[in-house]
Amino acid sequence: MRLLLHSCCAPCSAAVIENLLAEGLRPTLFYFNPNIYPSEEYNLRKAECSHYARLLDLDFIDGDYDHAAWRGQMTGLEKEPERGRRCLACFKLRLAVTASVAAARGFDTIATTLSSSRWKDLKQINEAGACAVAPYEGMNFLARNWRKGGLSERRRILIRENLFYNQTYCGCEFSRRDP
C-alpha cells in the first residue's frame, strides 16, 4: 500500500503516524489546508508539521495555500455550526485534492488525520473520503477512527513530549473564537 496521509497539523498527526508506522505503513504526509486563517496560523502549523515529518524521515508534500479560493467555495456556509454543512464541504474539498495528488503521484490509498480530532464528525470525514477516491479506479480511502485504542491519550502525550504548538480552533476563520 502506498499511503498519502492528509495532515491537518502535527498534534493531530503524531499518534496517527506512530500507529501507521507500527503497522508497517510508511505514509507520505500531504499538507493541504487552505481553510486555515490567518496565513500566520497556516505557516506556523505547516512549519511544525514539516519539522515533525523531517524528524521521522517521512516525505512531506506541501499543498498550495489559496485561502481566497477556499473562502469562495464556502460562500453561503459561513454561518453553519461546527460539524455542519461547511465542515463537510471543507473536508470534501481537501480530500478531493488529496486524492488528485495521490493519483498523480502513484499512491493507491489516502487517509486523513482529521479523524483523530474529537471536534470533527467521523461520518462527514468518511463521506468526504469516499467521495474523494470515487473518481480514481483502484484508489482507497483508509477510514479509521484514530480516537480509539488509546490514541487520544497517546496524542496528548506526544503533544507534551514534542512541545507541539496546540491550536485552539480547527483553523477555519468561522470556528475561531477570539479572546
Protein backbone atom coordinates (compact mmCIF):
# COMPACT_ATOMS: atom_id res chain seq x y z
CA MET A 1 0.00 0.00 0.00
CA ARG A 2 1.29 3.47 -0.92
CA LEU A 3 -0.40 5.86 1.52
CA LEU A 4 -0.79 9.61 1.16
CA LEU A 5 -1.82 10.94 4.55
CA HIS A 6 -3.61 14.27 4.57
CA SER A 7 -2.19 16.01 7.62
CA CYS A 8 -4.08 18.86 9.24
CA CYS A 9 -1.42 19.60 11.89
CA ALA A 10 1.37 17.97 13.89
CA PRO A 11 -0.68 17.47 17.09
CA CYS A 12 -3.39 15.55 15.21
CA SER A 13 -0.85 13.68 13.08
CA ALA A 14 1.66 12.39 15.64
CA ALA A 15 -0.26 9.45 17.14
CA VAL A 16 -1.75 8.58 13.74
CA ILE A 17 1.71 8.42 12.16
CA GLU A 18 3.06 6.42 15.08
CA ASN A 19 0.18 3.94 14.69
CA LEU A 20 0.71 3.61 10.93
CA LEU A 21 4.45 3.07 11.36
CA ALA A 22 3.72 0.36 13.96
CA GLU A 23 1.53 -1.34 11.33
CA GLY A 24 4.42 -1.27 8.87
CA LEU A 25 2.96 1.56 6.81
CA ARG A 26 5.20 4.49 5.92
CA PRO A 27 2.93 7.38 4.92
CA THR A 28 3.86 10.41 2.90
CA LEU A 29 2.38 13.50 4.54
CA PHE A 30 0.33 15.89 2.44
CA TYR A 31 -0.25 19.28 3.99
CA PHE A 32 -3.21 20.87 2.23
CA ASN A 33 -5.23 23.16 4.46
CA PRO A 34 -6.43 26.31 2.67
CA ASN A 35 -9.10 26.67 5.36
CA ILE A 36 -6.57 27.84 7.93
CA TYR A 37 -6.76 31.52 8.76
CA PRO A 38 -4.87 33.79 9.12
CA SER A 39 -1.81 32.98 7.00
CA GLU A 40 0.46 33.29 10.06
CA GLU A 41 -1.50 30.47 11.70
CA TYR A 42 -1.25 28.43 8.50
CA ASN A 43 2.52 28.93 8.30
CA LEU A 44 3.02 28.05 11.97
CA ARG A 45 1.07 24.80 11.62
CA LYS A 46 2.77 23.91 8.34
CA ALA A 47 6.26 24.53 9.77
CA GLU A 48 5.52 22.35 12.78
CA CYS A 49 4.10 19.55 10.63
CA SER A 50 7.00 19.71 8.19
CA HIS A 51 9.52 19.69 11.05
CA TYR A 52 7.86 16.61 12.57
CA ALA A 53 7.94 14.81 9.20
CA ARG A 54 11.68 15.54 8.93
CA LEU A 55 12.26 14.19 12.47
CA LEU A 56 10.60 10.93 11.40
CA ASP A 57 12.31 10.94 7.99
CA LEU A 58 8.94 10.96 6.22
CA ASP A 59 8.29 12.55 2.86
CA PHE A 60 6.28 15.77 3.05
CA ILE A 61 4.29 17.32 0.21
CA ASP A 62 3.28 20.94 0.62
CA GLY A 63 -0.08 21.73 -0.98
CA ASP A 64 -0.97 25.15 -2.28
CA TYR A 65 -2.35 27.69 0.16
CA ASP A 66 -5.15 29.61 -1.50
CA HIS A 67 -7.41 30.80 1.27
CA ALA A 68 -9.37 33.08 -1.04
CA ALA A 69 -10.33 30.13 -3.27
CA TRP A 70 -11.32 28.09 -0.21
CA ARG A 71 -13.39 31.01 1.08
CA GLY A 72 -15.14 31.21 -2.28
CA GLN A 73 -16.04 27.52 -2.02
CA MET A 74 -17.58 28.16 1.39
CA THR A 75 -19.83 31.03 0.23
CA GLY A 76 -23.24 30.68 1.83
CA LEU A 77 -21.94 28.35 4.53
CA GLU A 78 -20.30 30.96 6.76
CA LYS A 79 -22.98 30.76 9.48
CA GLU A 80 -23.07 26.97 9.62
CA PRO A 81 -22.25 25.49 13.03
CA GLU A 82 -19.24 23.29 13.71
CA ARG A 83 -19.91 19.83 12.24
CA GLY A 84 -22.41 21.41 9.87
CA ARG A 85 -22.55 21.63 6.07
CA ARG A 86 -19.49 23.91 5.88
CA CYS A 87 -17.29 21.30 7.56
CA LEU A 88 -18.47 18.62 5.14
CA ALA A 89 -17.80 20.91 2.16
CA CYS A 90 -14.35 21.72 3.55
CA PHE A 91 -13.49 18.05 4.09
CA LYS A 92 -14.69 17.17 0.60
CA LEU A 93 -12.55 19.89 -0.96
CA ARG A 94 -9.40 18.98 0.97
CA LEU A 95 -9.73 15.24 0.46
CA ALA A 96 -10.59 15.63 -3.25
CA VAL A 97 -7.32 17.48 -3.74
CA THR A 98 -5.54 14.82 -1.67
CA ALA A 99 -6.93 12.07 -3.92
CA SER A 100 -5.96 14.02 -7.04
CA VAL A 101 -2.38 14.43 -5.81
CA ALA A 102 -2.32 10.76 -4.79
CA ALA A 103 -3.45 9.65 -8.25
CA ALA A 104 -0.90 11.89 -9.97
CA ARG A 105 1.94 10.55 -7.81
CA GLY A 106 1.12 6.87 -7.84
CA PHE A 107 -0.43 6.39 -4.41
CA ASP A 108 -3.23 3.86 -4.10
CA THR A 109 -4.60 4.91 -0.70
CA ILE A 110 -5.39 8.14 1.09
CA ALA A 111 -6.23 8.81 4.72
CA THR A 112 -6.60 11.90 6.88
CA THR A 113 -5.59 12.88 10.37
CA LEU A 114 -8.83 14.85 10.67
CA SER A 115 -10.41 11.73 12.14
CA SER A 116 -8.17 11.99 15.20
CA SER A 117 -9.90 15.16 16.37
CA ARG A 118 -12.79 14.85 18.78
CA TRP A 119 -14.16 18.09 17.30
CA LYS A 120 -14.75 16.52 13.88
CA ASP A 121 -17.65 14.36 12.71
CA LEU A 122 -16.32 10.94 11.61
CA LYS A 123 -19.33 10.34 9.39
CA GLN A 124 -18.59 13.54 7.47
CA ILE A 125 -14.90 12.68 7.16
CA ASN A 126 -15.65 9.18 5.88
CA GLU A 127 -18.23 10.53 3.41
CA ALA A 128 -15.70 13.07 2.13
CA GLY A 129 -13.02 10.39 1.81
CA ALA A 130 -15.30 8.02 -0.10
CA CYS A 131 -16.32 10.85 -2.47
CA ALA A 132 -12.68 11.83 -2.98
CA VAL A 133 -11.48 8.42 -4.15
CA ALA A 134 -14.58 7.53 -6.21
CA PRO A 135 -13.25 9.03 -9.49
CA TYR A 136 -9.99 7.02 -9.26
CA GLU A 137 -10.13 3.34 -10.08
CA GLY A 138 -8.21 1.26 -7.58
CA MET A 139 -7.79 4.08 -5.07
CA ASN A 140 -8.94 3.52 -1.50
CA PHE A 141 -9.79 5.70 1.45
CA LEU A 142 -8.45 4.30 4.71
CA ALA A 143 -11.30 5.16 7.06
CA ARG A 144 -10.13 5.00 10.64
CA ASN A 145 -11.28 6.27 13.98
CA TRP A 146 -7.96 7.40 15.38
CA ARG A 147 -9.56 8.40 18.67
CA LYS A 148 -9.91 4.82 19.90
CA GLY A 149 -7.46 2.26 21.22
CA GLY A 150 -5.60 4.72 23.40
CA LEU A 151 -4.70 7.03 20.52
CA SER A 152 -6.36 10.08 22.08
CA GLU A 153 -4.24 9.69 25.19
CA ARG A 154 -1.16 8.97 23.08
CA ARG A 155 -1.88 12.18 21.15
CA ARG A 156 -1.81 14.18 24.40
CA ILE A 157 1.48 12.56 25.43
CA LEU A 158 3.10 13.26 22.06
CA ILE A 159 1.97 16.89 22.18
CA ARG A 160 3.73 17.29 25.54
CA GLU A 161 6.84 15.31 24.56
CA ASN A 162 7.32 17.23 21.32
CA LEU A 163 6.26 20.60 22.71
CA PHE A 164 3.87 20.98 19.80
CA TYR A 165 2.03 24.21 19.32
CA ASN A 166 -1.52 23.05 20.08
CA GLN A 167 -4.04 25.35 18.44
CA THR A 168 -7.37 26.25 20.00
CA TYR A 169 -9.52 26.10 16.83
CA CYS A 170 -9.65 23.98 13.69
CA GLY A 171 -8.11 26.74 11.61
CA CYS A 172 -11.22 27.95 9.85
CA GLU A 173 -11.93 31.61 10.49
CA PHE A 174 -15.56 30.74 11.15
CA SER A 175 -14.63 28.45 14.04
CA ARG A 176 -12.16 30.89 15.55
CA ARG A 177 -13.07 32.27 18.93
CA ASP A 178 -11.15 35.43 19.69
CA PRO A 179 -10.46 36.01 23.40
